[in-house]
Each structure stands twice: as C-alpha cells, then as structure tokens.
C-alpha atoms as a PDB file:
ATOM      1  CA  MET A   1       0.249  -0.136  -0.278  1.00  0.00           C
ATOM      2  CA  SER A   2       1.267   3.376  -0.717  1.00  0.00           C
ATOM      3  CA  GLU A   3      -0.944   5.368  -0.149  1.00  0.00           C
ATOM      4  CA  LYS A   4      -1.413   6.783   3.673  1.00  0.00           C
ATOM      5  CA  LEU A   5      -5.385   6.415   4.646  1.00  0.00           C
ATOM      6  CA  ARG A   6      -7.244   8.033   6.733  1.00  0.00           C
ATOM      7  CA  VAL A   7      -8.817   6.194   9.531  1.00  0.00           C
ATOM      8  CA  ILE A   8     -11.645   8.028  12.159  1.00  0.00           C
ATOM      9  CA  CYS A   9     -11.739   5.832  15.404  1.00  0.00           C
ATOM     10  CA  TYR A  10     -15.575   6.214  17.263  1.00  0.00           C
ATOM     11  CA  GLN A  11     -16.992   4.755  19.801  1.00  0.00           C
ATOM     12  CA  ASP A  12     -21.007   3.643  19.297  1.00  0.00           C
ATOM     13  CA  HIS A  13     -22.975   1.541  21.856  1.00  0.00           C
ATOM     14  CA  GLY A  14     -19.789   0.458  23.637  1.00  0.00           C
ATOM     15  CA  VAL A  15     -17.924  -1.139  20.484  1.00  0.00           C
ATOM     16  CA  TRP A  16     -15.270   0.426  19.177  1.00  0.00           C
ATOM     17  CA  LEU A  17     -15.198   1.244  15.313  1.00  0.00           C
ATOM     18  CA  ALA A  18     -12.672   2.327  12.604  1.00  0.00           C
ATOM     19  CA  GLN A  19     -13.607   3.531   8.913  1.00  0.00           C
ATOM     20  CA  ALA A  20     -10.938   4.469   6.664  1.00  0.00           C
ATOM     21  CA  LEU A  21     -11.918   7.233   4.742  1.00  0.00           C
ATOM     22  CA  GLU A  22     -10.258   7.276   1.073  1.00  0.00           C
ATOM     23  CA  HIS A  23     -11.202   3.861   0.697  1.00  0.00           C
ATOM     24  CA  ASP A  24     -15.090   2.498   2.518  1.00  0.00           C
ATOM     25  CA  ILE A  25     -13.600  -0.334   4.786  1.00  0.00           C
ATOM     26  CA  CYS A  26     -14.756  -0.342   8.405  1.00  0.00           C
ATOM     27  CA  VAL A  27     -13.711  -2.470  11.074  1.00  0.00           C
ATOM     28  CA  GLN A  28     -14.767  -2.951  14.816  1.00  0.00           C
ATOM     29  CA  ALA A  29     -13.659  -4.586  18.000  1.00  0.00           C
ATOM     30  CA  ASP A  30     -13.861  -4.076  21.859  1.00  0.00           C
ATOM     31  CA  SER A  31     -10.737  -1.702  22.035  1.00  0.00           C
ATOM     32  CA  LEU A  32      -8.219   0.864  20.582  1.00  0.00           C
ATOM     33  CA  ASP A  33      -5.098  -1.410  20.480  1.00  0.00           C
ATOM     34  CA  ASP A  34      -7.545  -4.543  19.090  1.00  0.00           C
ATOM     35  CA  LEU A  35      -9.251  -2.364  16.421  1.00  0.00           C
ATOM     36  CA  TYR A  36      -6.116  -1.344  14.892  1.00  0.00           C
ATOM     37  CA  GLY A  37      -5.235  -5.501  14.306  1.00  0.00           C
ATOM     38  CA  ARG A  38      -8.411  -5.632  12.561  1.00  0.00           C
ATOM     39  CA  LEU A  39      -7.782  -2.773  10.333  1.00  0.00           C
ATOM     40  CA  GLU A  40      -4.295  -3.847   9.574  1.00  0.00           C
ATOM     41  CA  VAL A  41      -5.685  -7.067   8.529  1.00  0.00           C
ATOM     42  CA  ALA A  42      -8.734  -6.155   6.694  1.00  0.00           C
ATOM     43  CA  VAL A  43      -6.832  -3.741   4.229  1.00  0.00           C
ATOM     44  CA  ARG A  44      -4.347  -6.141   3.791  1.00  0.00           C
ATOM     45  CA  LEU A  45      -7.397  -8.697   2.850  1.00  0.00           C
ATOM     46  CA  GLU A  46      -8.641  -5.785   0.824  1.00  0.00           C
ATOM     47  CA  SER A  47      -5.472  -5.219  -1.207  1.00  0.00           C
ATOM     48  CA  GLU A  48      -4.668  -8.860  -1.737  1.00  0.00           C
ATOM     49  CA  SER A  49      -7.941  -9.674  -3.526  1.00  0.00           C
ATOM     50  CA  GLY A  50      -8.711  -7.310  -5.645  1.00  0.00           C
ATOM     51  CA  GLY A  51      -6.819  -4.039  -4.936  1.00  0.00           C
ATOM     52  CA  LEU A  52      -8.181  -1.121  -2.756  1.00  0.00           C
ATOM     53  CA  ASP A  53      -8.427   1.273  -5.971  1.00  0.00           C
ATOM     54  CA  ASN A  54     -11.617  -0.347  -6.273  1.00  0.00           C
ATOM     55  CA  ILE A  55     -12.959   0.041  -2.979  1.00  0.00           C
ATOM     56  CA  ALA A  56     -14.768   3.356  -3.319  1.00  0.00           C
ATOM     57  CA  PRO A  57     -14.697   6.155  -0.873  1.00  0.00           C
ATOM     58  CA  ALA A  58     -16.368   5.999   2.641  1.00  0.00           C
ATOM     59  CA  PRO A  59     -19.538   8.270   2.659  1.00  0.00           C
ATOM     60  CA  ALA A  60     -19.699  11.774   3.438  1.00  0.00           C
ATOM     61  CA  HIS A  61     -20.427  11.389   6.783  1.00  0.00           C
ATOM     62  CA  PHE A  62     -17.161   9.980   7.821  1.00  0.00           C
ATOM     63  CA  GLN A  63     -15.291  13.249   6.185  1.00  0.00           C
ATOM     64  CA  ARG A  64     -17.164  15.080   8.414  1.00  0.00           C
ATOM     65  CA  MET A  65     -16.388  13.690  11.386  1.00  0.00           C
ATOM     66  CA  TRP A  66     -12.806  13.577  10.241  1.00  0.00           C
ATOM     67  CA  ASP A  67     -13.329  17.287   9.990  1.00  0.00           C
ATOM     68  CA  LYS A  68     -14.463  17.719  13.440  1.00  0.00           C
ATOM     69  CA  LYS A  69     -12.088  14.901  15.338  1.00  0.00           C
ATOM     70  CA  ALA A  70     -11.360  15.471  18.792  1.00  0.00           C
ATOM     71  CA  GLY A  71      -7.775  14.784  18.269  1.00  0.00           C
ATOM     72  CA  SER A  72      -5.137  11.926  16.569  1.00  0.00           C
ATOM     73  CA  TYR A  73      -4.625   8.606  17.752  1.00  0.00           C
ATOM     74  CA  THR A  74      -1.510   6.632  17.383  1.00  0.00           C
ATOM     75  CA  PRO A  75      -1.711   2.764  18.754  1.00  0.00           C
ATOM     76  CA  MET A  76       1.732   1.588  20.484  1.00  0.00           C
ATOM     77  CA  SER A  77       1.949  -1.138  17.309  1.00  0.00           C
ATOM     78  CA  ALA A  78       0.788   1.594  14.743  1.00  0.00           C
ATOM     79  CA  ASN A  79       2.821   1.802  11.284  1.00  0.00           C
ATOM     80  CA  SER A  80       2.705   5.213  11.007  1.00  0.00           C
ATOM     81  CA  ASP A  81       3.806   4.980   7.519  1.00  0.00           C
ATOM     82  CA  HIS A  82       0.181   3.628   6.314  1.00  0.00           C
ATOM     83  CA  TYR A  83      -2.511   5.598   8.425  1.00  0.00           C
ATOM     84  CA  GLU A  84      -3.828   8.610   9.808  1.00  0.00           C
ATOM     85  CA  MET A  85      -5.622   8.096  12.947  1.00  0.00           C
ATOM     86  CA  ALA A  86      -8.436   9.820  14.347  1.00  0.00           C
ATOM     87  CA  LEU A  87     -10.647   9.606  17.495  1.00  0.00           C
ATOM     88  CA  ALA A  88     -14.504  11.585  16.543  1.00  0.00           C
ATOM     89  CA  ALA A  89     -15.315  14.374  18.712  1.00  0.00           C
END
C-alpha cells in the first residue's frame, strides 16, 4: 500500500469502530488496540483480493467526522507510514 489512509475511530454502543476515508473499509473491536490490528488485516486482505482502487471512498458523513475530530490516535503497534488515525469528537 503506497497511499496513507485516514481513519476515523469512534465508539458506538460500547464498541470501537474504525472507518477508512479513502476506501470504504470499516472494522470493529472491543478496544482501540484490537481495532488497529483488525484494520491492518482488513486493508491487507482487501489489497490482496482485487486492490483498494476498486473500493469507493467512505460516505461523506465520515469525512465530516474527520473534519471535527477530537485529536489524533497512534496505537503502540502502529505503522505510521500507512495510516493517519484520529478519534471522533
């Protein structure tokens, strides 16, 4: 993956969700660290099974969430070359 994906993270009904903006890929987990691991797996699998270019951008309301983000988030195991992550406000 050559492009850096922006990912907005938010909680809904006690579950964490991560939504990529450039490609409509979303994962959920019980913790932020688990969320990051699932995101990496989902993006890798999508890349290998047809490529990210075949996945449309996320719906516009996720971009609005990004624009109003509360701050950045970097998991301890993160590869910052691939993702720019933020927490929703």
